[in-house]
N, C-alpha and C. Protein backbone atom coordinates (compact mmCIF):
# COMPACT_ATOMS: atom_id res chain seq x y z
N UNK A 1 0.84 -1.19 0.00
CA UNK A 1 0.00 0.00 0.00
C UNK A 1 0.88 1.24 0.00
N UNK A 2 0.39 2.29 -0.62
CA UNK A 2 1.17 3.52 -0.62
C UNK A 2 0.89 4.31 0.66
N UNK A 3 1.74 5.29 0.94
CA UNK A 3 1.69 6.04 2.19
C UNK A 3 0.33 6.68 2.44
N UNK A 4 -0.25 7.29 1.42
CA UNK A 4 -1.55 7.96 1.59
C UNK A 4 -2.62 6.96 2.03
N UNK A 5 -2.62 5.77 1.45
CA UNK A 5 -3.60 4.75 1.83
C UNK A 5 -3.36 4.26 3.25
N UNK A 6 -2.11 4.07 3.61
CA UNK A 6 -1.78 3.65 4.98
C UNK A 6 -2.20 4.72 5.98
N UNK A 7 -2.00 5.98 5.61
CA UNK A 7 -2.40 7.09 6.48
C UNK A 7 -3.91 7.10 6.67
N UNK A 8 -4.66 6.98 5.58
CA UNK A 8 -6.11 6.98 5.66
C UNK A 8 -6.61 5.82 6.52
N UNK A 9 -5.96 4.66 6.40
CA UNK A 9 -6.34 3.51 7.22
C UNK A 9 -6.02 3.78 8.69
N UNK A 10 -4.90 4.44 8.96
CA UNK A 10 -4.53 4.78 10.34
C UNK A 10 -5.54 5.76 10.93
N UNK A 11 -6.02 6.70 10.13
CA UNK A 11 -7.03 7.65 10.60
C UNK A 11 -8.29 6.88 11.01
N UNK A 12 -8.71 5.95 10.18
CA UNK A 12 -9.87 5.12 10.51
C UNK A 12 -9.61 4.32 11.77
N UNK A 13 -8.43 3.70 11.85
CA UNK A 13 -8.09 2.88 13.02
C UNK A 13 -8.02 3.70 14.31
N UNK A 14 -7.63 4.98 14.19
CA UNK A 14 -7.51 5.82 15.39
C UNK A 14 -8.87 6.03 16.04
N UNK A 15 -9.93 5.90 15.27
CA UNK A 15 -11.29 6.07 15.81
C UNK A 15 -11.83 4.78 16.40
N UNK A 16 -11.11 3.68 16.20
CA UNK A 16 -11.57 2.37 16.65
C UNK A 16 -10.73 1.80 17.79
N UNK A 17 -9.91 2.63 18.40
CA UNK A 17 -9.03 2.15 19.47
C UNK A 17 -9.87 1.65 20.65
N UNK A 18 -9.38 0.61 21.31
CA UNK A 18 -10.11 0.01 22.42
C UNK A 18 -10.30 1.00 23.57
N UNK A 19 -9.28 1.79 23.84
CA UNK A 19 -9.35 2.77 24.93
C UNK A 19 -9.00 4.15 24.39
N UNK A 20 -9.65 5.16 24.94
CA UNK A 20 -9.37 6.53 24.52
C UNK A 20 -7.98 6.93 25.03
N UNK A 21 -7.12 7.42 24.13
CA UNK A 21 -5.78 7.84 24.56
C UNK A 21 -5.85 9.05 25.49
N UNK A 22 -4.78 9.26 26.25
CA UNK A 22 -4.76 10.43 27.13
C UNK A 22 -4.61 11.71 26.29
N UNK A 23 -4.74 12.84 26.95
CA UNK A 23 -4.74 14.13 26.24
C UNK A 23 -3.45 14.40 25.48
N UNK A 24 -2.31 13.99 26.02
CA UNK A 24 -1.04 14.21 25.32
C UNK A 24 -1.00 13.45 23.99
N UNK A 25 -1.47 12.23 24.01
CA UNK A 25 -1.51 11.42 22.79
C UNK A 25 -2.53 12.00 21.81
N UNK A 26 -3.67 12.44 22.31
CA UNK A 26 -4.67 13.06 21.44
C UNK A 26 -4.11 14.30 20.76
N UNK A 27 -3.33 15.10 21.50
CA UNK A 27 -2.70 16.28 20.91
C UNK A 27 -1.69 15.88 19.83
N UNK A 28 -0.95 14.81 20.09
CA UNK A 28 0.00 14.32 19.09
C UNK A 28 -0.73 13.89 17.82
N UNK A 29 -1.79 13.12 18.00
CA UNK A 29 -2.57 12.67 16.85
C UNK A 29 -3.13 13.85 16.07
N UNK A 30 -3.68 14.82 16.80
CA UNK A 30 -4.24 16.00 16.15
C UNK A 30 -3.18 16.75 15.36
N UNK A 31 -2.06 17.04 16.00
CA UNK A 31 -1.04 17.86 15.34
C UNK A 31 -0.41 17.12 14.16
N UNK A 32 -0.18 15.83 14.28
CA UNK A 32 0.36 15.07 13.16
C UNK A 32 -0.64 15.01 12.01
N UNK A 33 -1.93 14.86 12.33
CA UNK A 33 -2.95 14.85 11.30
C UNK A 33 -2.98 16.18 10.55
N UNK A 34 -2.98 17.27 11.31
CA UNK A 34 -3.01 18.59 10.68
C UNK A 34 -1.77 18.83 9.83
N UNK A 35 -0.61 18.44 10.33
CA UNK A 35 0.64 18.62 9.57
C UNK A 35 0.60 17.78 8.30
N UNK A 36 0.05 16.58 8.40
CA UNK A 36 -0.01 15.67 7.25
C UNK A 36 -1.02 16.14 6.20
N UNK A 37 -2.09 16.76 6.63
CA UNK A 37 -3.15 17.13 5.69
C UNK A 37 -3.10 18.59 5.25
N UNK A 38 -2.59 19.47 6.10
CA UNK A 38 -2.57 20.90 5.79
C UNK A 38 -1.16 21.42 5.56
N UNK A 39 -0.21 20.88 6.33
CA UNK A 39 1.17 21.40 6.28
C UNK A 39 1.41 22.30 7.48
N UNK A 40 2.38 23.19 7.35
CA UNK A 40 2.75 24.06 8.46
C UNK A 40 1.57 24.90 8.94
N UNK A 41 1.55 25.13 10.25
CA UNK A 41 0.52 25.95 10.87
C UNK A 41 0.83 27.42 10.61
N UNK A 42 0.00 28.06 9.82
CA UNK A 42 0.15 29.49 9.55
C UNK A 42 -1.03 30.28 10.11
N UNK A 43 -1.79 29.65 10.99
CA UNK A 43 -2.94 30.31 11.59
C UNK A 43 -2.50 31.14 12.78
N UNK A 44 -3.25 32.19 13.05
CA UNK A 44 -3.00 32.99 14.25
C UNK A 44 -3.42 32.19 15.47
N UNK A 45 -2.85 32.55 16.61
CA UNK A 45 -3.24 31.90 17.85
C UNK A 45 -4.72 32.17 18.10
N UNK A 46 -5.39 31.28 18.81
CA UNK A 46 -6.81 31.48 19.09
C UNK A 46 -7.05 32.83 19.78
N UNK A 47 -8.11 33.51 19.40
CA UNK A 47 -8.39 34.84 19.93
C UNK A 47 -8.92 34.79 21.36
N UNK A 48 -9.57 33.70 21.73
CA UNK A 48 -10.10 33.57 23.08
C UNK A 48 -9.02 33.00 23.99
N UNK A 49 -8.50 33.83 24.87
CA UNK A 49 -7.42 33.42 25.76
C UNK A 49 -7.83 32.31 26.72
N UNK A 50 -9.12 32.11 26.90
CA UNK A 50 -9.60 31.08 27.81
C UNK A 50 -9.99 29.79 27.12
N UNK A 51 -9.80 29.74 25.82
CA UNK A 51 -10.06 28.50 25.08
C UNK A 51 -8.78 27.67 25.09
N UNK A 52 -8.56 26.99 26.20
CA UNK A 52 -7.31 26.27 26.41
C UNK A 52 -7.12 25.11 25.44
N UNK A 53 -8.22 24.44 25.08
CA UNK A 53 -8.12 23.33 24.14
C UNK A 53 -7.59 23.83 22.79
N UNK A 54 -8.16 24.91 22.30
CA UNK A 54 -7.70 25.48 21.02
C UNK A 54 -6.25 25.94 21.13
N UNK A 55 -5.90 26.52 22.26
CA UNK A 55 -4.52 26.99 22.48
C UNK A 55 -3.54 25.81 22.42
N UNK A 56 -3.85 24.74 23.14
CA UNK A 56 -2.95 23.59 23.17
C UNK A 56 -2.85 22.92 21.80
N UNK A 57 -3.98 22.85 21.08
CA UNK A 57 -3.95 22.28 19.74
C UNK A 57 -3.07 23.12 18.82
N UNK A 58 -3.23 24.43 18.91
CA UNK A 58 -2.45 25.35 18.08
C UNK A 58 -0.95 25.19 18.38
N UNK A 59 -0.61 25.15 19.64
CA UNK A 59 0.80 25.02 20.04
C UNK A 59 1.39 23.68 19.60
N UNK A 60 0.62 22.61 19.74
CA UNK A 60 1.10 21.28 19.36
C UNK A 60 1.38 21.22 17.86
N UNK A 61 0.47 21.76 17.07
CA UNK A 61 0.64 21.77 15.62
C UNK A 61 1.81 22.66 15.24
N UNK A 62 1.94 23.78 15.90
CA UNK A 62 3.01 24.73 15.61
C UNK A 62 4.39 24.11 15.81
N UNK A 63 4.51 23.20 16.77
CA UNK A 63 5.80 22.55 17.06
C UNK A 63 6.27 21.67 15.90
N UNK A 64 5.38 21.33 14.99
CA UNK A 64 5.74 20.45 13.87
C UNK A 64 6.14 21.21 12.60
N UNK A 65 6.23 22.52 12.70
CA UNK A 65 6.61 23.32 11.52
C UNK A 65 7.89 22.78 10.90
N UNK A 66 7.87 22.67 9.58
CA UNK A 66 9.04 22.21 8.87
C UNK A 66 9.05 20.72 8.58
N UNK A 67 8.20 19.95 9.27
CA UNK A 67 8.12 18.51 9.01
C UNK A 67 7.29 18.32 7.74
N UNK A 68 7.77 17.49 6.85
CA UNK A 68 7.05 17.26 5.60
C UNK A 68 5.73 16.54 5.88
N UNK A 69 4.80 16.68 4.95
CA UNK A 69 3.52 15.99 5.08
C UNK A 69 3.74 14.48 5.13
N UNK A 70 4.66 13.99 4.32
CA UNK A 70 4.93 12.54 4.29
C UNK A 70 5.49 12.05 5.62
N UNK A 71 6.40 12.82 6.20
CA UNK A 71 6.98 12.45 7.49
C UNK A 71 5.89 12.45 8.56
N UNK A 72 5.01 13.45 8.55
CA UNK A 72 3.92 13.52 9.52
C UNK A 72 2.97 12.33 9.34
N UNK A 73 2.69 11.96 8.09
CA UNK A 73 1.84 10.79 7.84
C UNK A 73 2.46 9.54 8.44
N UNK A 74 3.75 9.36 8.22
CA UNK A 74 4.43 8.17 8.73
C UNK A 74 4.43 8.15 10.26
N UNK A 75 4.68 9.30 10.88
CA UNK A 75 4.66 9.37 12.34
C UNK A 75 3.26 9.07 12.88
N UNK A 76 2.24 9.56 12.19
CA UNK A 76 0.85 9.29 12.59
C UNK A 76 0.56 7.79 12.51
N UNK A 77 0.94 7.19 11.39
CA UNK A 77 0.74 5.74 11.20
C UNK A 77 1.44 4.96 12.30
N UNK A 78 2.69 5.32 12.58
CA UNK A 78 3.46 4.63 13.62
C UNK A 78 2.81 4.75 14.99
N UNK A 79 2.33 5.96 15.30
CA UNK A 79 1.69 6.19 16.61
C UNK A 79 0.40 5.37 16.74
N UNK A 80 -0.42 5.37 15.71
CA UNK A 80 -1.67 4.60 15.77
C UNK A 80 -1.37 3.11 15.89
N UNK A 81 -0.39 2.63 15.14
CA UNK A 81 -0.02 1.20 15.24
C UNK A 81 0.47 0.86 16.64
N UNK A 82 1.20 1.77 17.26
CA UNK A 82 1.69 1.56 18.63
C UNK A 82 0.50 1.52 19.60
N UNK A 83 -0.46 2.40 19.40
CA UNK A 83 -1.63 2.44 20.29
C UNK A 83 -2.52 1.21 20.14
N UNK A 84 -2.56 0.66 18.91
CA UNK A 84 -3.34 -0.56 18.67
C UNK A 84 -2.74 -1.75 19.41
N UNK A 85 -1.44 -1.68 19.64
CA UNK A 85 -0.75 -2.73 20.36
C UNK A 85 -0.56 -3.90 19.53
């Protein structure tokens, strides 16, 4: 299978995990997904200073700047496979 197909399968598998991952893992999954599908985060920080979820998501994605979409896809696939056990 090619990388894009493996990534799409990992996205599906991430929704079928036996147990919900902790918040740190969820942030990793989110940021890797965004980097893989959108690329570098060029969005402004969330305008609501009290929207901590949006803030953490923005920061997590921002940390991946410069990582290629392909690399992010592979990291996402690896993380989901690790979580599946």
